Amino acid sequence: MPDIDTPYGKVDAEALQTLQETFDTFAILRVLDQLDAIRVRCCDPAGLRDDLLRLHGMAHTVINGAALSYATSGPTLVEQAEAVIEELDDWIAVLRQAVRTLQPLERLRSGYE
């Protein structure tokens, strides 16, 4: 099928028809909600940024012999690293799903294969 003009540029007419029948545009808003949750956790005063700073301080003390910069009560260095890694892995999974959600829109590109 040929391209069709839309208010937002030309798109592949066949892909548009398919997406009109199958694509849930509210999925984009669900992606936005997920990104908002990540943003809050990332930027919150007790968020990942602080977790990474704590991890750095702990690692700097243990690996480089620096003075203590955080209390020794609470998570161990390994526990802190595991928690940060687990959270980042979760975010990666969320972001990969977001990409999969949005990829069908690429089919609108003229000549997309």
PDB file of N, CA and C in Angstrom:
ATOM      1  N   MET A   1       0.829  -1.179   0.000  1.00  0.00           N
ATOM      2  CA  MET A   1       0.000   0.000   0.000  1.00  0.00           C
ATOM      3  C   MET A   1       0.876   1.247   0.000  1.00  0.00           C
ATOM      4  N   PRO A   2       0.394   2.316  -0.536  1.00  0.00           N
ATOM      5  CA  PRO A   2       1.172   3.552  -0.555  1.00  0.00           C
ATOM      6  C   PRO A   2       1.174   4.224   0.809  1.00  0.00           C
ATOM      7  N   ASP A   3       1.942   5.300   0.864  1.00  0.00           N
ATOM      8  CA  ASP A   3       1.943   6.116   2.074  1.00  0.00           C
ATOM      9  C   ASP A   3       0.671   6.948   2.121  1.00  0.00           C
ATOM     10  N   ILE A   4       0.363   7.367   3.334  1.00  0.00           N
ATOM     11  CA  ILE A   4      -0.798   8.226   3.530  1.00  0.00           C
ATOM     12  C   ILE A   4      -0.346   9.423   4.368  1.00  0.00           C
ATOM     13  N   ASP A   5      -0.850  10.593   4.043  1.00  0.00           N
ATOM     14  CA  ASP A   5      -0.535  11.797   4.817  1.00  0.00           C
ATOM     15  C   ASP A   5      -1.356  11.822   6.098  1.00  0.00           C
ATOM     16  N   THR A   6      -0.701  12.166   7.192  1.00  0.00           N
ATOM     17  CA  THR A   6      -1.377  12.360   8.477  1.00  0.00           C
ATOM     18  C   THR A   6      -0.944  13.719   9.005  1.00  0.00           C
ATOM     19  N   PRO A   7      -1.576  14.223  10.045  1.00  0.00           N
ATOM     20  CA  PRO A   7      -1.134  15.496  10.627  1.00  0.00           C
ATOM     21  C   PRO A   7       0.315  15.453  11.123  1.00  0.00           C
ATOM     22  N   TYR A   8       0.859  14.243  11.328  1.00  0.00           N
ATOM     23  CA  TYR A   8       2.214  14.090  11.859  1.00  0.00           C
ATOM     24  C   TYR A   8       3.163  13.468  10.849  1.00  0.00           C
ATOM     25  N   GLY A   9       2.865  13.629   9.584  1.00  0.00           N
ATOM     26  CA  GLY A   9       3.748  13.142   8.532  1.00  0.00           C
ATOM     27  C   GLY A   9       3.181  11.941   7.816  1.00  0.00           C
ATOM     28  N   LYS A  10       3.904  11.551   6.772  1.00  0.00           N
ATOM     29  CA  LYS A  10       3.483  10.397   5.970  1.00  0.00           C
ATOM     30  C   LYS A  10       3.772   9.111   6.734  1.00  0.00           C
ATOM     31  N   VAL A  11       2.849   8.169   6.606  1.00  0.00           N
ATOM     32  CA  VAL A  11       3.032   6.844   7.204  1.00  0.00           C
ATOM     33  C   VAL A  11       2.611   5.795   6.191  1.00  0.00           C
ATOM     34  N   ASP A  12       3.071   4.598   6.414  1.00  0.00           N
ATOM     35  CA  ASP A  12       2.679   3.475   5.571  1.00  0.00           C
ATOM     36  C   ASP A  12       1.205   3.171   5.825  1.00  0.00           C
ATOM     37  N   ALA A  13       0.414   3.196   4.782  1.00  0.00           N
ATOM     38  CA  ALA A  13      -1.040   3.034   4.923  1.00  0.00           C
ATOM     39  C   ALA A  13      -1.411   1.654   5.454  1.00  0.00           C
ATOM     40  N   GLU A  14      -0.732   0.615   5.010  1.00  0.00           N
ATOM     41  CA  GLU A  14      -1.045  -0.743   5.470  1.00  0.00           C
ATOM     42  C   GLU A  14      -0.697  -0.914   6.946  1.00  0.00           C
ATOM     43  N   ALA A  15       0.464  -0.392   7.322  1.00  0.00           N
ATOM     44  CA  ALA A  15       0.860  -0.472   8.732  1.00  0.00           C
ATOM     45  C   ALA A  15      -0.112   0.313   9.600  1.00  0.00           C
ATOM     46  N   LEU A  16      -0.540   1.462   9.115  1.00  0.00           N
ATOM     47  CA  LEU A  16      -1.504   2.257   9.866  1.00  0.00           C
ATOM     48  C   LEU A  16      -2.801   1.490  10.082  1.00  0.00           C
ATOM     49  N   GLN A  17      -3.271   0.856   9.045  1.00  0.00           N
ATOM     50  CA  GLN A  17      -4.515   0.087   9.164  1.00  0.00           C
ATOM     51  C   GLN A  17      -4.355  -1.031  10.189  1.00  0.00           C
ATOM     52  N   THR A  18      -3.233  -1.716  10.134  1.00  0.00           N
ATOM     53  CA  THR A  18      -2.972  -2.793  11.089  1.00  0.00           C
ATOM     54  C   THR A  18      -2.929  -2.261  12.520  1.00  0.00           C
ATOM     55  N   LEU A  19      -2.218  -1.159  12.718  1.00  0.00           N
ATOM     56  CA  LEU A  19      -2.117  -0.603  14.062  1.00  0.00           C
ATOM     57  C   LEU A  19      -3.455  -0.059  14.555  1.00  0.00           C
ATOM     58  N   GLN A  20      -4.249   0.472  13.669  1.00  0.00           N
ATOM     59  CA  GLN A  20      -5.576   0.952  14.071  1.00  0.00           C
ATOM     60  C   GLN A  20      -6.435  -0.202  14.584  1.00  0.00           C
ATOM     61  N   GLU A  21      -6.167  -1.387  14.107  1.00  0.00           N
ATOM     62  CA  GLU A  21      -6.930  -2.571  14.526  1.00  0.00           C
ATOM     63  C   GLU A  21      -6.337  -3.267  15.743  1.00  0.00           C
ATOM     64  N   THR A  22      -5.034  -3.037  16.006  1.00  0.00           N
ATOM     65  CA  THR A  22      -4.369  -3.851  17.023  1.00  0.00           C
ATOM     66  C   THR A  22      -3.641  -3.093  18.120  1.00  0.00           C
ATOM     67  N   PHE A  23      -3.238  -1.868  17.873  1.00  0.00           N
ATOM     68  CA  PHE A  23      -2.369  -1.174  18.822  1.00  0.00           C
ATOM     69  C   PHE A  23      -3.187  -0.422  19.863  1.00  0.00           C
ATOM     70  N   ASP A  24      -2.856  -0.643  21.121  1.00  0.00           N
ATOM     71  CA  ASP A  24      -3.510   0.042  22.238  1.00  0.00           C
ATOM     72  C   ASP A  24      -2.676   1.270  22.602  1.00  0.00           C
ATOM     73  N   THR A  25      -3.135   2.452  22.218  1.00  0.00           N
ATOM     74  CA  THR A  25      -2.362   3.666  22.481  1.00  0.00           C
ATOM     75  C   THR A  25      -2.199   3.935  23.977  1.00  0.00           C
ATOM     76  N   PHE A  26      -3.079   3.392  24.800  1.00  0.00           N
ATOM     77  CA  PHE A  26      -2.936   3.569  26.243  1.00  0.00           C
ATOM     78  C   PHE A  26      -1.689   2.854  26.767  1.00  0.00           C
ATOM     79  N   ALA A  27      -1.135   1.945  25.968  1.00  0.00           N
ATOM     80  CA  ALA A  27       0.112   1.286  26.353  1.00  0.00           C
ATOM     81  C   ALA A  27       1.233   2.317  26.492  1.00  0.00           C
ATOM     82  N   ILE A  28       1.178   3.377  25.705  1.00  0.00           N
ATOM     83  CA  ILE A  28       2.176   4.439  25.808  1.00  0.00           C
ATOM     84  C   ILE A  28       2.067   5.127  27.167  1.00  0.00           C
ATOM     85  N   LEU A  29       0.846   5.341  27.631  1.00  0.00           N
ATOM     86  CA  LEU A  29       0.659   5.952  28.950  1.00  0.00           C
ATOM     87  C   LEU A  29       1.124   5.024  30.070  1.00  0.00           C
ATOM     88  N   ARG A  30       0.974   3.715  29.869  1.00  0.00           N
ATOM     89  CA  ARG A  30       1.474   2.762  30.869  1.00  0.00           C
ATOM     90  C   ARG A  30       3.002   2.820  30.921  1.00  0.00           C
ATOM     91  N   VAL A  31       3.644   2.971  29.762  1.00  0.00           N
ATOM     92  CA  VAL A  31       5.096   3.146  29.738  1.00  0.00           C
ATOM     93  C   VAL A  31       5.470   4.413  30.507  1.00  0.00           C
ATOM     94  N   LEU A  32       4.725   5.473  30.292  1.00  0.00           N
ATOM     95  CA  LEU A  32       4.971   6.724  31.001  1.00  0.00           C
ATOM     96  C   LEU A  32       4.858   6.532  32.518  1.00  0.00           C
ATOM     97  N   ASP A  33       3.852   5.803  32.964  1.00  0.00           N
ATOM     98  CA  ASP A  33       3.701   5.523  34.394  1.00  0.00           C
ATOM     99  C   ASP A  33       4.918   4.773  34.941  1.00  0.00           C
ATOM    100  N   GLN A  34       5.401   3.807  34.177  1.00  0.00           N
ATOM    101  CA  GLN A  34       6.569   3.047  34.610  1.00  0.00           C
ATOM    102  C   GLN A  34       7.805   3.942  34.684  1.00  0.00           C
ATOM    103  N   LEU A  35       7.967   4.812  33.706  1.00  0.00           N
ATOM    104  CA  LEU A  35       9.106   5.723  33.731  1.00  0.00           C
ATOM    105  C   LEU A  35       9.000   6.716  34.889  1.00  0.00           C
ATOM    106  N   ASP A  36       7.789   7.155  35.188  1.00  0.00           N
ATOM    107  CA  ASP A  36       7.599   8.039  36.341  1.00  0.00           C
ATOM    108  C   ASP A  36       8.012   7.336  37.634  1.00  0.00           C
ATOM    109  N   ALA A  37       7.673   6.060  37.753  1.00  0.00           N
ATOM    110  CA  ALA A  37       8.061   5.302  38.950  1.00  0.00           C
ATOM    111  C   ALA A  37       9.582   5.197  39.043  1.00  0.00           C
ATOM    112  N   ILE A  38      10.235   4.973  37.923  1.00  0.00           N
ATOM    113  CA  ILE A  38      11.702   4.911  37.919  1.00  0.00           C
ATOM    114  C   ILE A  38      12.281   6.279  38.281  1.00  0.00           C
ATOM    115  N   ARG A  39      11.724   7.334  37.695  1.00  0.00           N
ATOM    116  CA  ARG A  39      12.215   8.690  37.963  1.00  0.00           C
ATOM    117  C   ARG A  39      12.127   9.012  39.448  1.00  0.00           C
ATOM    118  N   VAL A  40      11.001   8.692  40.061  1.00  0.00           N
ATOM    119  CA  VAL A  40      10.826   8.967  41.484  1.00  0.00           C
ATOM    120  C   VAL A  40      11.860   8.193  42.293  1.00  0.00           C
ATOM    121  N   ARG A  41      12.013   6.925  41.995  1.00  0.00           N
ATOM    122  CA  ARG A  41      12.964   6.094  42.744  1.00  0.00           C
ATOM    123  C   ARG A  41      14.400   6.563  42.501  1.00  0.00           C
ATOM    124  N   CYS A  42      14.674   7.020  41.315  1.00  0.00           N
ATOM    125  CA  CYS A  42      16.022   7.474  40.981  1.00  0.00           C
ATOM    126  C   CYS A  42      16.352   8.783  41.692  1.00  0.00           C
ATOM    127  N   CYS A  43      15.422   9.687  41.706  1.00  0.00           N
ATOM    128  CA  CYS A  43      15.678  11.048  42.192  1.00  0.00           C
ATOM    129  C   CYS A  43      15.222  11.288  43.617  1.00  0.00           C
ATOM    130  N   ASP A  44      14.460  10.386  44.184  1.00  0.00           N
ATOM    131  CA  ASP A  44      13.971  10.533  45.556  1.00  0.00           C
ATOM    132  C   ASP A  44      15.166  10.680  46.496  1.00  0.00           C
ATOM    133  N   PRO A  45      15.015  11.459  47.561  1.00  0.00           N
ATOM    134  CA  PRO A  45      16.143  11.608  48.495  1.00  0.00           C
ATOM    135  C   PRO A  45      16.685  10.277  49.010  1.00  0.00           C
ATOM    136  N   ALA A  46      15.856   9.273  49.090  1.00  0.00           N
ATOM    137  CA  ALA A  46      16.328   7.955  49.522  1.00  0.00           C
ATOM    138  C   ALA A  46      16.368   7.011  48.315  1.00  0.00           C
ATOM    139  N   GLY A  47      16.661   7.553  47.160  1.00  0.00           N
ATOM    140  CA  GLY A  47      16.598   6.784  45.927  1.00  0.00           C
ATOM    141  C   GLY A  47      17.918   6.162  45.527  1.00  0.00           C
ATOM    142  N   LEU A  48      17.949   5.718  44.294  1.00  0.00           N
ATOM    143  CA  LEU A  48      19.117   5.008  43.775  1.00  0.00           C
ATOM    144  C   LEU A  48      20.369   5.866  43.813  1.00  0.00           C
ATOM    145  N   ARG A  49      20.227   7.147  43.576  1.00  0.00           N
ATOM    146  CA  ARG A  49      21.397   8.025  43.616  1.00  0.00           C
ATOM    147  C   ARG A  49      22.081   7.914  44.985  1.00  0.00           C
ATOM    148  N   ASP A  50      21.303   8.002  46.043  1.00  0.00           N
ATOM    149  CA  ASP A  50      21.864   7.875  47.385  1.00  0.00           C
ATOM    150  C   ASP A  50      22.402   6.473  47.635  1.00  0.00           C
ATOM    151  N   ASP A  51      21.722   5.475  47.091  1.00  0.00           N
ATOM    152  CA  ASP A  51      22.205   4.092  47.234  1.00  0.00           C
ATOM    153  C   ASP A  51      23.578   3.935  46.579  1.00  0.00           C
ATOM    154  N   LEU A  52      23.728   4.551  45.412  1.00  0.00           N
ATOM    155  CA  LEU A  52      25.025   4.473  44.712  1.00  0.00           C
ATOM    156  C   LEU A  52      26.103   5.256  45.467  1.00  0.00           C
ATOM    157  N   LEU A  53      25.751   6.398  46.024  1.00  0.00           N
ATOM    158  CA  LEU A  53      26.728   7.150  46.813  1.00  0.00           C
ATOM    159  C   LEU A  53      27.163   6.351  48.039  1.00  0.00           C
ATOM    160  N   ARG A  54      26.195   5.706  48.685  1.00  0.00           N
ATOM    161  CA  ARG A  54      26.523   4.859  49.843  1.00  0.00           C
ATOM    162  C   ARG A  54      27.431   3.711  49.406  1.00  0.00           C
ATOM    163  N   LEU A  55      27.081   3.071  48.297  1.00  0.00           N
ATOM    164  CA  LEU A  55      27.902   1.964  47.783  1.00  0.00           C
ATOM    165  C   LEU A  55      29.316   2.441  47.474  1.00  0.00           C
ATOM    166  N   HIS A  56      29.420   3.612  46.856  1.00  0.00           N
ATOM    167  CA  HIS A  56      30.750   4.150  46.573  1.00  0.00           C
ATOM    168  C   HIS A  56      31.535   4.378  47.858  1.00  0.00           C
ATOM    169  N   GLY A  57      30.889   5.002  48.839  1.00  0.00           N
ATOM    170  CA  GLY A  57      31.577   5.246  50.101  1.00  0.00           C
ATOM    171  C   GLY A  57      32.046   3.964  50.762  1.00  0.00           C
ATOM    172  N   MET A  58      31.198   2.958  50.756  1.00  0.00           N
ATOM    173  CA  MET A  58      31.559   1.675  51.354  1.00  0.00           C
ATOM    174  C   MET A  58      32.710   1.031  50.586  1.00  0.00           C
ATOM    175  N   ALA A  59      32.605   1.024  49.258  1.00  0.00           N
ATOM    176  CA  ALA A  59      33.657   0.427  48.433  1.00  0.00           C
ATOM    177  C   ALA A  59      34.965   1.207  48.572  1.00  0.00           C
ATOM    178  N   HIS A  60      34.864   2.528  48.623  1.00  0.00           N
ATOM    179  CA  HIS A  60      36.047   3.368  48.774  1.00  0.00           C
ATOM    180  C   HIS A  60      36.766   3.051  50.083  1.00  0.00           C
ATOM    181  N   THR A  61      36.000   2.817  51.140  1.00  0.00           N
ATOM    182  CA  THR A  61      36.593   2.460  52.432  1.00  0.00           C
ATOM    183  C   THR A  61      37.245   1.086  52.365  1.00  0.00           C
ATOM    184  N   VAL A  62      36.497   0.097  51.859  1.00  0.00           N
ATOM    185  CA  VAL A  62      36.996  -1.283  51.864  1.00  0.00           C
ATOM    186  C   VAL A  62      38.119  -1.480  50.844  1.00  0.00           C
ATOM    187  N   ILE A  63      37.973  -0.933  49.653  1.00  0.00           N
ATOM    188  CA  ILE A  63      38.943  -1.194  48.590  1.00  0.00           C
ATOM    189  C   ILE A  63      40.142  -0.242  48.663  1.00  0.00           C
ATOM    190  N   ASN A  64      39.885   1.022  48.959  1.00  0.00           N
ATOM    191  CA  ASN A  64      40.962   2.015  48.944  1.00  0.00           C
ATOM    192  C   ASN A  64      41.476   2.399  50.322  1.00  0.00           C
ATOM    193  N   GLY A  65      40.868   1.849  51.361  1.00  0.00           N
ATOM    194  CA  GLY A  65      41.321   2.146  52.720  1.00  0.00           C
ATOM    195  C   GLY A  65      40.936   3.540  53.197  1.00  0.00           C
ATOM    196  N   ALA A  66      39.951   4.142  52.571  1.00  0.00           N
ATOM    197  CA  ALA A  66      39.509   5.481  52.971  1.00  0.00           C
ATOM    198  C   ALA A  66      38.819   5.417  54.327  1.00  0.00           C
ATOM    199  N   ALA A  67      38.700   6.570  54.944  1.00  0.00           N
ATOM    200  CA  ALA A  67      38.001   6.663  56.231  1.00  0.00           C
ATOM    201  C   ALA A  67      36.527   6.320  56.029  1.00  0.00           C
ATOM    202  N   LEU A  68      35.883   5.904  57.113  1.00  0.00           N
ATOM    203  CA  LEU A  68      34.460   5.588  57.053  1.00  0.00           C
ATOM    204  C   LEU A  68      33.669   6.826  56.640  1.00  0.00           C
ATOM    205  N   SER A  69      32.759   6.634  55.715  1.00  0.00           N
ATOM    206  CA  SER A  69      31.905   7.756  55.311  1.00  0.00           C
ATOM    207  C   SER A  69      30.437   7.457  55.601  1.00  0.00           C
ATOM    208  N   TYR A  70      30.131   6.238  55.964  1.00  0.00           N
ATOM    209  CA  TYR A  70      28.766   5.820  56.308  1.00  0.00           C
ATOM    210  C   TYR A  70      28.838   4.936  57.536  1.00  0.00           C
ATOM    211  N   ALA A  71      27.751   4.910  58.266  1.00  0.00           N
ATOM    212  CA  ALA A  71      27.678   4.061  59.459  1.00  0.00           C
ATOM    213  C   ALA A  71      27.861   2.601  59.060  1.00  0.00           C
ATOM    214  N   THR A  72      28.415   1.846  59.971  1.00  0.00           N
ATOM    215  CA  THR A  72      28.639   0.431  59.694  1.00  0.00           C
ATOM    216  C   THR A  72      27.421  -0.420  60.025  1.00  0.00           C
ATOM    217  N   SER A  73      26.399   0.192  60.610  1.00  0.00           N
ATOM    218  CA  SER A  73      25.145  -0.535  60.816  1.00  0.00           C
ATOM    219  C   SER A  73      24.350  -0.430  59.515  1.00  0.00           C
ATOM    220  N   GLY A  74      23.562  -1.411  59.231  1.00  0.00           N
ATOM    221  CA  GLY A  74      22.808  -1.412  57.977  1.00  0.00           C
ATOM    222  C   GLY A  74      23.350  -2.468  57.037  1.00  0.00           C
ATOM    223  N   PRO A  75      23.088  -2.308  55.762  1.00  0.00           N
ATOM    224  CA  PRO A  75      23.500  -3.352  54.834  1.00  0.00           C
ATOM    225  C   PRO A  75      25.019  -3.445  54.727  1.00  0.00           C
ATOM    226  N   THR A  76      25.479  -4.653  54.437  1.00  0.00           N
ATOM    227  CA  THR A  76      26.906  -4.844  54.182  1.00  0.00           C
ATOM    228  C   THR A  76      27.220  -4.325  52.775  1.00  0.00           C
ATOM    229  N   LEU A  77      28.480  -4.243  52.458  1.00  0.00           N
ATOM    230  CA  LEU A  77      28.904  -3.804  51.124  1.00  0.00           C
ATOM    231  C   LEU A  77      28.295  -4.699  50.047  1.00  0.00           C
ATOM    232  N   VAL A  78      28.360  -6.001  50.258  1.00  0.00           N
ATOM    233  CA  VAL A  78      27.823  -6.945  49.274  1.00  0.00           C
ATOM    234  C   VAL A  78      26.308  -6.798  49.164  1.00  0.00           C
ATOM    235  N   GLU A  79      25.628  -6.671  50.287  1.00  0.00           N
ATOM    236  CA  GLU A  79      24.173  -6.492  50.251  1.00  0.00           C
ATOM    237  C   GLU A  79      23.786  -5.208  49.520  1.00  0.00           C
ATOM    238  N   GLN A  80      24.541  -4.142  49.760  1.00  0.00           N
ATOM    239  CA  GLN A  80      24.269  -2.871  49.092  1.00  0.00           C
ATOM    240  C   GLN A  80      24.472  -3.016  47.584  1.00  0.00           C
ATOM    241  N   ALA A  81      25.564  -3.659  47.187  1.00  0.00           N
ATOM    242  CA  ALA A  81      25.825  -3.870  45.757  1.00  0.00           C
ATOM    243  C   ALA A  81      24.731  -4.723  45.129  1.00  0.00           C
ATOM    244  N   GLU A  82      24.344  -5.789  45.810  1.00  0.00           N
ATOM    245  CA  GLU A  82      23.292  -6.667  45.276  1.00  0.00           C
ATOM    246  C   GLU A  82      21.972  -5.922  45.124  1.00  0.00           C
ATOM    247  N   ALA A  83      21.631  -5.070  46.075  1.00  0.00           N
ATOM    248  CA  ALA A  83      20.375  -4.314  46.010  1.00  0.00           C
ATOM    249  C   ALA A  83      20.375  -3.351  44.827  1.00  0.00           C
ATOM    250  N   VAL A  84      21.499  -2.669  44.615  1.00  0.00           N
ATOM    251  CA  VAL A  84      21.605  -1.737  43.490  1.00  0.00           C
ATOM    252  C   VAL A  84      21.523  -2.496  42.169  1.00  0.00           C
ATOM    253  N   ILE A  85      22.239  -3.593  42.078  1.00  0.00           N
ATOM    254  CA  ILE A  85      22.231  -4.396  40.849  1.00  0.00           C
ATOM    255  C   ILE A  85      20.832  -4.924  40.561  1.00  0.00           C
ATOM    256  N   GLU A  86      20.161  -5.418  41.580  1.00  0.00           N
ATOM    257  CA  GLU A  86      18.807  -5.945  41.400  1.00  0.00           C
ATOM    258  C   GLU A  86      17.856  -4.848  40.901  1.00  0.00           C
ATOM    259  N   GLU A  87      17.961  -3.678  41.495  1.00  0.00           N
ATOM    260  CA  GLU A  87      17.083  -2.586  41.062  1.00  0.00           C
ATOM    261  C   GLU A  87      17.379  -2.183  39.622  1.00  0.00           C
ATOM    262  N   LEU A  88      18.645  -2.072  39.283  1.00  0.00           N
ATOM    263  CA  LEU A  88      19.000  -1.723  37.898  1.00  0.00           C
ATOM    264  C   LEU A  88      18.532  -2.799  36.925  1.00  0.00           C
ATOM    265  N   ASP A  89      18.668  -4.062  37.301  1.00  0.00           N
ATOM    266  CA  ASP A  89      18.165  -5.151  36.457  1.00  0.00           C
ATOM    267  C   ASP A  89      16.656  -5.028  36.247  1.00  0.00           C
ATOM    268  N   ASP A  90      15.940  -4.677  37.315  1.00  0.00           N
ATOM    269  CA  ASP A  90      14.492  -4.473  37.191  1.00  0.00           C
ATOM    270  C   ASP A  90      14.188  -3.339  36.226  1.00  0.00           C
ATOM    271  N   TRP A  91      14.929  -2.248  36.327  1.00  0.00           N
ATOM    272  CA  TRP A  91      14.712  -1.109  35.433  1.00  0.00           C
ATOM    273  C   TRP A  91      15.006  -1.476  33.989  1.00  0.00           C
ATOM    274  N   ILE A  92      16.058  -2.254  33.792  1.00  0.00           N
ATOM    275  CA  ILE A  92      16.398  -2.695  32.435  1.00  0.00           C
ATOM    276  C   ILE A  92      15.244  -3.506  31.851  1.00  0.00           C
ATOM    277  N   ALA A  93      14.668  -4.384  32.651  1.00  0.00           N
ATOM    278  CA  ALA A  93      13.527  -5.180  32.182  1.00  0.00           C
ATOM    279  C   ALA A  93      12.348  -4.282  31.830  1.00  0.00           C
ATOM    280  N   VAL A  94      12.085  -3.281  32.662  1.00  0.00           N
ATOM    281  CA  VAL A  94      10.984  -2.342  32.394  1.00  0.00           C
ATOM    282  C   VAL A  94      11.257  -1.574  31.108  1.00  0.00           C
ATOM    283  N   LEU A  95      12.479  -1.117  30.933  1.00  0.00           N
ATOM    284  CA  LEU A  95      12.823  -0.346  29.733  1.00  0.00           C
ATOM    285  C   LEU A  95      12.785  -1.210  28.472  1.00  0.00           C
ATOM    286  N   ARG A  96      13.209  -2.460  28.589  1.00  0.00           N
ATOM    287  CA  ARG A  96      13.113  -3.365  27.427  1.00  0.00           C
ATOM    288  C   ARG A  96      11.657  -3.579  27.035  1.00  0.00           C
ATOM    289  N   GLN A  97      10.794  -3.728  28.033  1.00  0.00           N
ATOM    290  CA  GLN A  97       9.367  -3.882  27.751  1.00  0.00           C
ATOM    291  C   GLN A  97       8.811  -2.614  27.120  1.00  0.00           C
ATOM    292  N   ALA A  98       9.270  -1.470  27.561  1.00  0.00           N
ATOM    293  CA  ALA A  98       8.831  -0.203  26.969  1.00  0.00           C
ATOM    294  C   ALA A  98       9.212  -0.144  25.494  1.00  0.00           C
ATOM    295  N   VAL A  99      10.410  -0.583  25.174  1.00  0.00           N
ATOM    296  CA  VAL A  99      10.842  -0.614  23.773  1.00  0.00           C
ATOM    297  C   VAL A  99       9.948  -1.548  22.966  1.00  0.00           C
ATOM    298  N   ARG A 100       9.675  -2.739  23.510  1.00  0.00           N
ATOM    299  CA  ARG A 100       8.802  -3.688  22.800  1.00  0.00           C
ATOM    300  C   ARG A 100       7.406  -3.104  22.597  1.00  0.00           C
ATOM    301  N   THR A 101       6.934  -2.345  23.569  1.00  0.00           N
ATOM    302  CA  THR A 101       5.615  -1.722  23.463  1.00  0.00           C
ATOM    303  C   THR A 101       5.574  -0.702  22.337  1.00  0.00           C
ATOM    304  N   LEU A 102       6.626   0.072  22.200  1.00  0.00           N
ATOM    305  CA  LEU A 102       6.654   1.158  21.216  1.00  0.00           C
ATOM    306  C   LEU A 102       7.106   0.735  19.822  1.00  0.00           C
ATOM    307  N   GLN A 103       7.802  -0.370  19.704  1.00  0.00           N
ATOM    308  CA  GLN A 103       8.341  -0.800  18.416  1.00  0.00           C
ATOM    309  C   GLN A 103       7.307  -0.923  17.292  1.00  0.00           C
ATOM    310  N   PRO A 104       6.088  -1.357  17.563  1.00  0.00           N
ATOM    311  CA  PRO A 104       5.126  -1.441  16.459  1.00  0.00           C
ATOM    312  C   PRO A 104       4.914  -0.107  15.734  1.00  0.00           C
ATOM    313  N   LEU A 105       5.125   0.986  16.416  1.00  0.00           N
ATOM    314  CA  LEU A 105       4.955   2.294  15.781  1.00  0.00           C
ATOM    315  C   LEU A 105       6.003   2.543  14.698  1.00  0.00           C
ATOM    316  N   GLU A 106       7.139   1.873  14.796  1.00  0.00           N
ATOM    317  CA  GLU A 106       8.159   2.015  13.757  1.00  0.00           C
ATOM    318  C   GLU A 106       7.674   1.496  12.405  1.00  0.00           C
ATOM    319  N   ARG A 107       6.755   0.566  12.434  1.00  0.00           N
ATOM    320  CA  ARG A 107       6.231  -0.005  11.193  1.00  0.00           C
ATOM    321  C   ARG A 107       5.521   1.039  10.338  1.00  0.00           C
ATOM    322  N   LEU A 108       5.186   2.164  10.929  1.00  0.00           N
ATOM    323  CA  LEU A 108       4.538   3.233  10.177  1.00  0.00           C
ATOM    324  C   LEU A 108       5.496   3.908   9.190  1.00  0.00           C
ATOM    325  N   ARG A 109       6.782   3.736   9.406  1.00  0.00           N
ATOM    326  CA  ARG A 109       7.773   4.337   8.512  1.00  0.00           C
ATOM    327  C   ARG A 109       7.608   3.764   7.112  1.00  0.00           C
ATOM    328  N   SER A 110       7.627   4.627   6.149  1.00  0.00           N
ATOM    329  CA  SER A 110       7.522   4.201   4.756  1.00  0.00           C
ATOM    330  C   SER A 110       8.665   3.260   4.414  1.00  0.00           C
ATOM    331  N   GLY A 111       8.325   2.133   3.841  1.00  0.00           N
ATOM    332  CA  GLY A 111       9.337   1.159   3.438  1.00  0.00           C
ATOM    333  C   GLY A 111       9.904   0.337   4.570  1.00  0.00           C
ATOM    334  N   TYR A 112       9.314   0.383   5.742  1.00  0.00           N
ATOM    335  CA  TYR A 112       9.787  -0.395   6.885  1.00  0.00           C
ATOM    336  C   TYR A 112       9.661  -1.879   6.576  1.00  0.00           C
ATOM    337  N   GLU A 113      10.643  -2.618   6.897  1.00  0.00           N
ATOM    338  CA  GLU A 113      10.597  -4.075   6.666  1.00  0.00           C
ATOM    339  C   GLU A 113      10.800  -4.783   7.971  1.00  0.00           C
TER     340      GLU A 113
END
